[in-house]
Amino acid sequence: MPDKIVEINGNKEFQSPDWGPKSIICKRGGFDILAYAGQKVMIEHSSGIGKYYNRTPLDKYTIDANGKVICEYYADSAGSMAPGVFAINDPNITSK
């Protein structure tokens, strides 16, 4: 897993425990963020974009490196599920 990926907006550093699940979910969605380990990325957050089983609201996250989308995934908006992170192509998600 990546040692760290730096978010450009806010200059936050995320260590392996945070990026491990994201890496797995990205891979399920057809992306490989491991190739970008240690590089700066920008994370775009869009609220309330989807729903899990038409009930739980989900936010969409897009990870961009050098103007290229390197991953998209959904995350539980309310924080009621663990881990609450889903591949962009999860068949149980409906988009608004």
Protein backbone atom coordinates (compact mmCIF):
# COMPACT_ATOMS: atom_id res chain seq x y z
CA MET A 1 0.00 0.00 0.00
CA PRO A 2 1.15 3.56 -0.48
CA ASP A 3 3.23 4.95 2.37
CA LYS A 4 1.58 8.29 1.93
CA ILE A 5 -0.39 10.25 -0.59
CA VAL A 6 -0.57 13.99 -0.10
CA GLU A 7 -3.75 15.92 -0.73
CA ILE A 8 -2.94 19.20 -2.49
CA ASN A 9 -5.88 21.10 -0.99
CA GLY A 10 -5.14 21.26 2.72
CA ASN A 11 -1.70 19.62 2.50
CA LYS A 12 -2.84 16.58 4.46
CA GLU A 13 -0.74 13.43 4.56
CA PHE A 14 -2.58 10.14 4.72
CA GLN A 15 -0.71 7.13 6.00
CA SER A 16 -1.11 3.48 4.94
CA PRO A 17 -4.08 2.60 7.22
CA ASP A 18 -6.24 5.22 5.48
CA TRP A 19 -5.06 4.38 1.97
CA GLY A 20 -5.16 0.59 2.30
CA PRO A 21 -8.96 0.26 2.02
CA LYS A 22 -9.06 2.96 -0.66
CA SER A 23 -6.46 1.09 -2.70
CA ILE A 24 -8.54 -2.10 -2.55
CA ILE A 25 -11.77 -0.29 -3.45
CA CYS A 26 -10.05 1.58 -6.28
CA LYS A 27 -8.75 -1.71 -7.67
CA ARG A 28 -12.27 -3.19 -7.58
CA GLY A 29 -13.41 -0.15 -9.55
CA GLY A 30 -10.71 -0.67 -12.20
CA PHE A 31 -8.10 1.78 -10.90
CA ASP A 32 -4.57 1.29 -9.54
CA ILE A 33 -3.50 4.03 -7.14
CA LEU A 34 -0.38 2.13 -6.08
CA ALA A 35 1.41 3.54 -9.10
CA TYR A 36 0.96 7.00 -7.54
CA ALA A 37 2.36 6.23 -4.08
CA GLY A 38 4.21 9.23 -2.65
CA GLN A 39 2.89 11.61 -5.30
CA LYS A 40 0.65 14.59 -4.72
CA VAL A 41 -2.98 14.10 -5.58
CA MET A 42 -6.14 16.17 -5.39
CA ILE A 43 -9.29 14.69 -3.88
CA GLU A 44 -12.65 16.06 -5.00
CA HIS A 45 -15.65 15.38 -2.76
CA SER A 46 -19.25 15.52 -4.00
CA SER A 47 -21.99 15.15 -1.38
CA GLY A 48 -25.08 12.98 -1.70
CA ILE A 49 -24.32 11.60 -5.15
CA GLY A 50 -25.55 8.04 -4.63
CA LYS A 51 -27.38 5.64 -2.35
CA TYR A 52 -26.48 2.17 -1.12
CA TYR A 53 -29.46 -0.16 -1.55
CA ASN A 54 -31.54 2.98 -2.19
CA ARG A 55 -31.26 3.89 1.51
CA THR A 56 -27.86 4.98 2.80
CA PRO A 57 -26.64 8.26 1.27
CA LEU A 58 -23.21 8.14 -0.32
CA ASP A 59 -20.68 10.78 -1.26
CA LYS A 60 -18.51 10.42 -4.34
CA TYR A 61 -14.74 10.96 -4.21
CA THR A 62 -12.53 11.49 -7.23
CA ILE A 63 -8.75 11.25 -6.88
CA ASP A 64 -6.78 13.15 -9.51
CA ALA A 65 -3.03 13.14 -10.23
CA ASN A 66 -1.55 15.56 -12.74
CA GLY A 67 -4.95 16.21 -14.33
CA LYS A 68 -5.75 12.49 -14.69
CA VAL A 69 -8.49 10.68 -12.74
CA ILE A 70 -6.74 7.82 -10.95
CA CYS A 71 -9.68 6.62 -8.85
CA GLU A 72 -13.34 7.22 -8.13
CA TYR A 73 -15.22 5.66 -5.22
CA TYR A 74 -18.22 6.14 -2.95
CA ALA A 75 -18.20 6.53 0.84
CA ASP A 76 -20.95 6.44 3.46
CA SER A 77 -22.03 10.05 4.08
CA ALA A 78 -23.39 9.42 7.56
CA GLY A 79 -20.55 7.22 8.79
CA SER A 80 -23.03 4.54 9.82
CA MET A 81 -21.29 1.64 8.03
CA ALA A 82 -17.81 0.24 8.47
CA PRO A 83 -15.71 0.53 6.44
CA GLY A 84 -18.36 2.33 4.36
CA VAL A 85 -16.21 2.66 1.23
CA PHE A 86 -17.47 1.25 -2.08
CA ALA A 87 -16.12 0.75 -5.60
CA ILE A 88 -17.49 3.12 -8.21
CA ASN A 89 -18.99 0.17 -10.07
CA ASP A 90 -20.67 -1.51 -7.05
CA PRO A 91 -23.99 -2.90 -8.37
CA ASN A 92 -25.79 -2.04 -5.10
CA ILE A 93 -25.33 1.71 -5.63
CA THR A 94 -27.78 3.93 -7.42
CA SER A 95 -26.69 7.36 -8.64
CA LYS A 96 -28.83 10.44 -8.35
